[in-house]
Protein backbone atom coordinates (compact mmCIF):
# COMPACT_ATOMS: atom_id res chain seq x y z
CA UNK A 1 -35.31 -50.73 -46.08
CA UNK A 2 -32.21 -48.55 -46.26
CA UNK A 3 -34.35 -45.40 -46.30
CA UNK A 4 -36.29 -46.66 -43.29
CA UNK A 5 -33.10 -47.34 -41.35
CA UNK A 6 -31.76 -43.88 -42.19
CA UNK A 7 -35.02 -42.34 -40.96
CA UNK A 8 -34.80 -44.28 -37.70
CA UNK A 9 -31.24 -43.09 -37.15
CA UNK A 10 -32.20 -39.47 -37.87
CA UNK A 11 -35.04 -39.67 -35.38
CA UNK A 12 -33.12 -41.66 -32.79
CA UNK A 13 -30.29 -39.14 -32.31
CA UNK A 14 -32.50 -36.20 -31.26
CA UNK A 15 -34.57 -38.48 -29.03
CA UNK A 16 -31.42 -39.84 -27.40
CA UNK A 17 -30.10 -36.30 -26.82
CA UNK A 18 -33.44 -35.21 -25.35
CA UNK A 19 -33.60 -38.17 -22.98
CA UNK A 20 -29.95 -37.71 -21.98
CA UNK A 21 -30.60 -34.05 -21.18
CA UNK A 22 -33.63 -34.94 -19.04
CA UNK A 23 -31.64 -37.59 -17.16
CA UNK A 24 -28.74 -35.16 -16.62
CA UNK A 25 -31.07 -32.46 -15.32
CA UNK A 26 -32.69 -34.94 -12.95
CA UNK A 27 -29.36 -36.33 -11.74
CA UNK A 28 -27.38 -33.10 -11.43
CA UNK A 29 -30.23 -30.76 -10.46
CA UNK A 30 -29.10 -27.15 -10.24
CA UNK A 31 -25.54 -28.06 -11.21
CA UNK A 32 -26.64 -29.12 -14.70
CA UNK A 33 -26.87 -25.50 -15.85
CA UNK A 34 -23.73 -24.67 -13.87
CA UNK A 35 -21.79 -27.35 -15.75
CA UNK A 36 -22.93 -25.98 -19.08
CA UNK A 37 -22.12 -22.50 -17.78
CA UNK A 38 -18.54 -23.65 -17.25
CA UNK A 39 -18.17 -23.90 -21.02
CA UNK A 40 -19.40 -20.32 -21.45
CA UNK A 41 -17.01 -19.25 -18.71
CA UNK A 42 -14.14 -20.95 -20.53
CA UNK A 43 -14.92 -19.11 -23.74
CA UNK A 44 -14.70 -15.73 -21.98
CA UNK A 45 -11.48 -16.47 -20.08
CA UNK A 46 -9.24 -15.09 -22.82
CA UNK A 47 -10.64 -11.60 -22.12
CA UNK A 48 -8.70 -11.61 -18.82
CA UNK A 49 -5.09 -10.66 -19.56
CA UNK A 50 -3.80 -10.58 -15.97
CA UNK A 51 -2.75 -14.07 -14.81
CA UNK A 52 -3.62 -13.79 -11.10
CA UNK A 53 -7.32 -12.79 -11.53
CA UNK A 54 -7.64 -15.44 -14.24
CA UNK A 55 -6.39 -18.19 -11.92
CA UNK A 56 -8.57 -16.98 -9.04
CA UNK A 57 -11.67 -17.04 -11.24
CA UNK A 58 -10.81 -20.46 -12.67
CA UNK A 59 -10.26 -22.11 -9.28
CA UNK A 60 -13.42 -20.57 -7.85
CA UNK A 61 -15.55 -21.72 -10.78
CA UNK A 62 -14.14 -25.26 -10.73
CA UNK A 63 -14.81 -25.58 -7.00
CA UNK A 64 -18.38 -24.44 -7.48
CA UNK A 65 -19.31 -26.29 -10.65
CA UNK A 66 -17.46 -29.56 -10.13
CA UNK A 67 -18.28 -29.62 -6.41
CA UNK A 68 -14.69 -30.44 -5.50
CA UNK A 69 -12.86 -29.32 -2.36
CA UNK A 70 -9.33 -29.46 -3.76
CA UNK A 71 -8.06 -27.73 -6.88
CA UNK A 72 -4.55 -26.93 -8.11
CA UNK A 73 -3.41 -25.16 -11.26
CA UNK A 74 0.07 -26.03 -12.52
CA UNK A 75 1.60 -23.70 -15.09
CA UNK A 76 4.86 -23.77 -17.00
CA UNK A 77 7.89 -22.34 -15.21
CA UNK A 78 11.29 -22.58 -16.87
CA UNK A 79 13.00 -21.98 -13.51
CA UNK A 80 11.38 -24.99 -11.80
CA UNK A 81 13.14 -28.38 -11.88
CA UNK A 82 9.97 -30.05 -13.13
CA UNK A 83 9.17 -27.30 -15.62
CA UNK A 84 5.95 -26.51 -13.73
CA UNK A 85 4.90 -24.79 -10.54
CA UNK A 86 1.70 -24.71 -8.53
CA UNK A 87 0.39 -21.28 -9.50
CA UNK A 88 -2.86 -21.51 -7.56
CA UNK A 89 -4.36 -24.03 -5.15
CA UNK A 90 -7.41 -24.39 -2.92
CA UNK A 91 -8.18 -26.93 -0.23
CA UNK A 92 -4.64 -28.33 0.00
CA UNK A 93 -3.18 -28.66 3.48
CA UNK A 94 0.49 -28.80 2.45
CA UNK A 95 2.79 -27.59 -0.28
CA UNK A 96 2.75 -29.84 -3.32
CA UNK A 97 5.95 -31.36 -4.70
CA UNK A 98 5.86 -31.42 -8.48
CA UNK A 99 7.73 -34.51 -9.79
CA UNK A 100 10.57 -33.79 -12.21
CA UNK A 101 8.97 -35.99 -14.86
CA UNK A 102 5.58 -34.32 -14.38
CA UNK A 103 5.35 -33.12 -18.00
CA UNK A 104 6.13 -36.51 -19.46
CA UNK A 105 3.83 -38.37 -17.05
CA UNK A 106 0.81 -36.23 -17.87
CA UNK A 107 1.44 -36.03 -21.62
CA UNK A 108 1.92 -39.78 -22.06
CA UNK A 109 -1.09 -40.76 -19.97
CA UNK A 110 -3.38 -38.05 -21.37
CA UNK A 111 -2.63 -39.14 -24.94
CA UNK A 112 -4.62 -42.29 -24.18
CA UNK A 113 -7.31 -41.07 -21.81
CA UNK A 114 -7.52 -37.28 -22.20
CA UNK A 115 -7.86 -36.81 -18.44
CA UNK A 116 -5.37 -38.55 -16.16
CA UNK A 117 -6.30 -40.21 -12.86
CA UNK A 118 -3.71 -40.23 -10.07
CA UNK A 119 -4.07 -44.00 -9.75
CA UNK A 120 -2.66 -44.31 -13.27
CA UNK A 121 0.52 -42.36 -12.49
CA UNK A 122 3.82 -43.89 -11.47
CA UNK A 123 4.88 -41.64 -8.60
CA UNK A 124 8.07 -41.64 -6.60
CA UNK A 125 7.68 -42.09 -2.80
CA UNK A 126 8.20 -38.45 -1.79
CA UNK A 127 5.34 -37.26 -4.00
CA UNK A 128 2.99 -40.22 -3.87
CA UNK A 129 1.35 -39.55 -0.51
CA UNK A 130 0.37 -35.94 -0.98
CA UNK A 131 -0.57 -36.23 -4.65
CA UNK A 132 -2.74 -39.28 -4.13
CA UNK A 133 -4.46 -37.86 -1.03
CA UNK A 134 -5.06 -34.41 -2.49
CA UNK A 135 -5.78 -34.73 -6.19
CA UNK A 136 -7.43 -37.42 -8.23
CA UNK A 137 -7.58 -35.95 -11.73
CA UNK A 138 -5.14 -34.08 -13.95
CA UNK A 139 -6.44 -32.25 -17.00
CA UNK A 140 -3.73 -31.09 -19.45
CA UNK A 141 -4.27 -27.66 -21.05
CA UNK A 142 -2.63 -27.82 -24.46
CA UNK A 143 -2.33 -25.14 -27.15
CA UNK A 144 -0.46 -25.74 -30.42
CA UNK A 145 1.05 -28.93 -29.00
CA UNK A 146 2.39 -27.19 -25.90
CA UNK A 147 1.11 -28.13 -22.44
CA UNK A 148 1.05 -24.67 -20.86
CA UNK A 149 -0.88 -25.76 -17.78
CA UNK A 150 -2.47 -28.67 -15.96
CA UNK A 151 -5.66 -28.55 -13.89
CA UNK A 152 -5.58 -30.82 -10.83
CA UNK A 153 -8.86 -31.79 -9.15
CA UNK A 154 -9.77 -33.81 -6.08
CA UNK A 155 -12.82 -36.02 -5.75
CA UNK A 156 -16.25 -34.46 -5.39
CA UNK A 157 -17.34 -33.29 -1.96
CA UNK A 158 -19.26 -36.53 -1.32
CA UNK A 159 -16.26 -38.64 -2.34
CA UNK A 160 -17.69 -39.71 -5.68
CA UNK A 161 -15.72 -39.85 -8.90
CA UNK A 162 -16.41 -37.41 -11.72
CA UNK A 163 -18.86 -38.63 -14.33
CA UNK A 164 -17.94 -39.16 -17.98
CA UNK A 165 -19.90 -35.99 -18.78
CA UNK A 166 -17.85 -34.04 -16.26
CA UNK A 167 -14.64 -35.35 -17.78
CA UNK A 168 -15.77 -34.39 -21.28
CA UNK A 169 -16.65 -30.86 -20.13
CA UNK A 170 -13.25 -30.52 -18.48
CA UNK A 171 -11.49 -31.63 -21.66
CA UNK A 172 -13.38 -29.02 -23.65
CA UNK A 173 -12.79 -26.25 -21.11
CA UNK A 174 -9.08 -27.11 -20.92
CA UNK A 175 -8.61 -25.84 -24.48
CA UNK A 176 -9.99 -22.42 -23.56
CA UNK A 177 -7.92 -22.39 -20.38
CA UNK A 178 -4.74 -23.17 -22.35
CA UNK A 179 -5.29 -20.23 -24.71
CA UNK A 180 -6.17 -17.87 -21.85
CA UNK A 181 -3.13 -18.80 -19.75
CA UNK A 182 -0.77 -18.59 -22.73
CA UNK A 183 -2.12 -15.12 -23.54
CA UNK A 184 -1.71 -14.07 -19.91
CA UNK A 185 1.87 -15.35 -19.77
CA UNK A 186 2.73 -13.49 -22.98
CA UNK A 187 1.07 -10.33 -21.65
CA UNK A 188 2.98 -10.66 -18.36
CA UNK A 189 6.26 -11.16 -20.25
CA UNK A 190 5.63 -8.05 -22.34
CA UNK A 191 4.88 -6.03 -19.22
CA UNK A 192 8.11 -7.22 -17.60
CA UNK A 193 10.10 -6.29 -20.71
CA UNK A 194 8.44 -2.89 -20.84
CA UNK A 195 9.33 -2.33 -17.18
CA UNK A 196 12.95 -3.35 -17.86
CA UNK A 197 13.16 -0.97 -20.83
CA UNK A 198 11.69 1.83 -18.74
CA UNK A 199 14.24 1.22 -15.99
CA UNK A 200 17.07 1.13 -18.53
CA UNK A 201 15.84 4.38 -20.05
CA UNK A 202 15.71 6.02 -16.62
CA UNK A 203 19.26 4.83 -15.83
CA UNK A 204 20.58 6.15 -19.13
CA UNK A 205 18.85 9.49 -18.65
CA UNK A 206 20.27 9.71 -15.14
CA UNK A 207 23.78 9.16 -16.50
CA UNK A 208 23.27 11.75 -19.22
CA UNK A 209 21.99 14.28 -16.70
CA UNK A 210 24.84 13.70 -14.26
CA UNK A 211 27.75 14.47 -16.62
CA UNK A 212 29.14 18.01 -17.01
CA UNK A 213 29.41 17.89 -20.81
CA UNK A 214 26.57 19.37 -22.82
CA UNK A 215 24.70 16.71 -24.83
CA UNK A 216 22.26 17.32 -27.66
CA UNK A 217 20.03 14.81 -29.47
CA UNK A 218 18.50 15.67 -32.84
CA UNK A 219 16.35 13.78 -35.34
CA UNK A 220 17.22 13.18 -38.98
CA UNK A 221 15.86 16.61 -39.89
CA UNK A 222 18.13 18.35 -37.43
CA UNK A 223 15.39 19.16 -34.91
CA UNK A 224 16.15 18.93 -31.18
CA UNK A 225 14.61 15.93 -29.43
CA UNK A 226 16.61 15.99 -26.17
CA UNK A 227 19.27 17.92 -24.30
CA UNK A 228 20.78 17.56 -20.84
CA UNK A 229 20.99 20.02 -17.98
CA UNK A 230 24.62 20.91 -18.72
CA UNK A 231 23.67 22.13 -22.21
CA UNK A 232 20.75 24.09 -20.77
CA UNK A 233 23.23 26.03 -18.65
CA UNK A 234 25.65 26.53 -21.55
CA UNK A 235 22.89 27.90 -23.83
CA UNK A 236 21.00 29.54 -20.99
CA UNK A 237 17.91 28.00 -22.53
CA UNK A 238 15.38 25.56 -21.04
CA UNK A 239 14.96 22.26 -22.85
CA UNK A 240 11.23 22.76 -23.29
CA UNK A 241 11.93 25.89 -25.27
CA UNK A 242 14.50 24.05 -27.40
CA UNK A 243 12.45 20.96 -28.21
CA UNK A 244 11.51 20.76 -31.89
CA UNK A 245 13.67 23.67 -32.96
CA UNK A 246 16.31 23.29 -35.66
CA UNK A 247 19.97 23.32 -34.59
CA UNK A 248 20.76 26.40 -36.69
CA UNK A 249 18.29 28.36 -34.58
CA UNK A 250 20.29 27.55 -31.45
CA UNK A 251 23.89 27.51 -32.63
CA UNK A 252 26.15 29.38 -35.00
CA UNK A 253 25.49 28.78 -38.69
CA UNK A 254 28.67 26.76 -39.27
CA UNK A 255 27.77 24.38 -36.41
CA UNK A 256 24.30 23.87 -37.88
CA UNK A 257 25.84 23.08 -41.26
CA UNK A 258 28.16 20.55 -39.63
CA UNK A 259 25.21 18.80 -37.99
CA UNK A 260 23.37 18.54 -41.32
CA UNK A 261 26.49 17.14 -42.99
CA UNK A 262 26.72 14.46 -40.32
CA UNK A 263 23.06 13.65 -40.84
CA UNK A 264 23.60 13.51 -44.61
CA UNK A 265 21.22 16.40 -45.35
CA UNK A 266 21.92 18.82 -48.16
């Protein structure tokens, strides 16, 4: 009897999945494959390092696949009072006000339901109207316990609510979105730091070039790595010709020995 029951269960699961797929294809029509394609799209998102193209592609795909007219992507922003800002939106007629307790509201509610409906949120008067009229679902995008973004969606174009299958797909995709956005934010931060370092380097070089004292930079082996314009005039030698040469080739022997003593070379 136990073996027979096990056999029935083994057979029932594939049959159930097959029937569910047929029903979904019949109900969703062309959008069935599009919904499954959203998962493939999510998996490839991390290949996009630039944040703006990533957000554009995400909003466009959500509009198309979920058949919704209103989408908003909230991402972390340490300078915002709420900790989040609307990084991209489509179909909204006015600027959204992000409540100061936005993070806590979404995290607490999503812990129970995974995807939060606006009707379940306790909103203050100044945010209630716009949020309730514009968006109906909030999907947290969490990576390593950190909610880096939230996807906001309106109802479908015909006014219907999202199905349980839609919600499950969104929950799965949100994980890929979280990783992709975190990577993009890190990449953007690195680019900003690189730009700051480049600017600092240019400022320092400008200062070095503007002084009248000759300056020389050598490596640990006593080879020239940089010199300013004042030293070029003193030596009557272009810096390109001096690069890589040892100091004793450019200066008197006693000066070269002094340089090596400073560097700790024998």
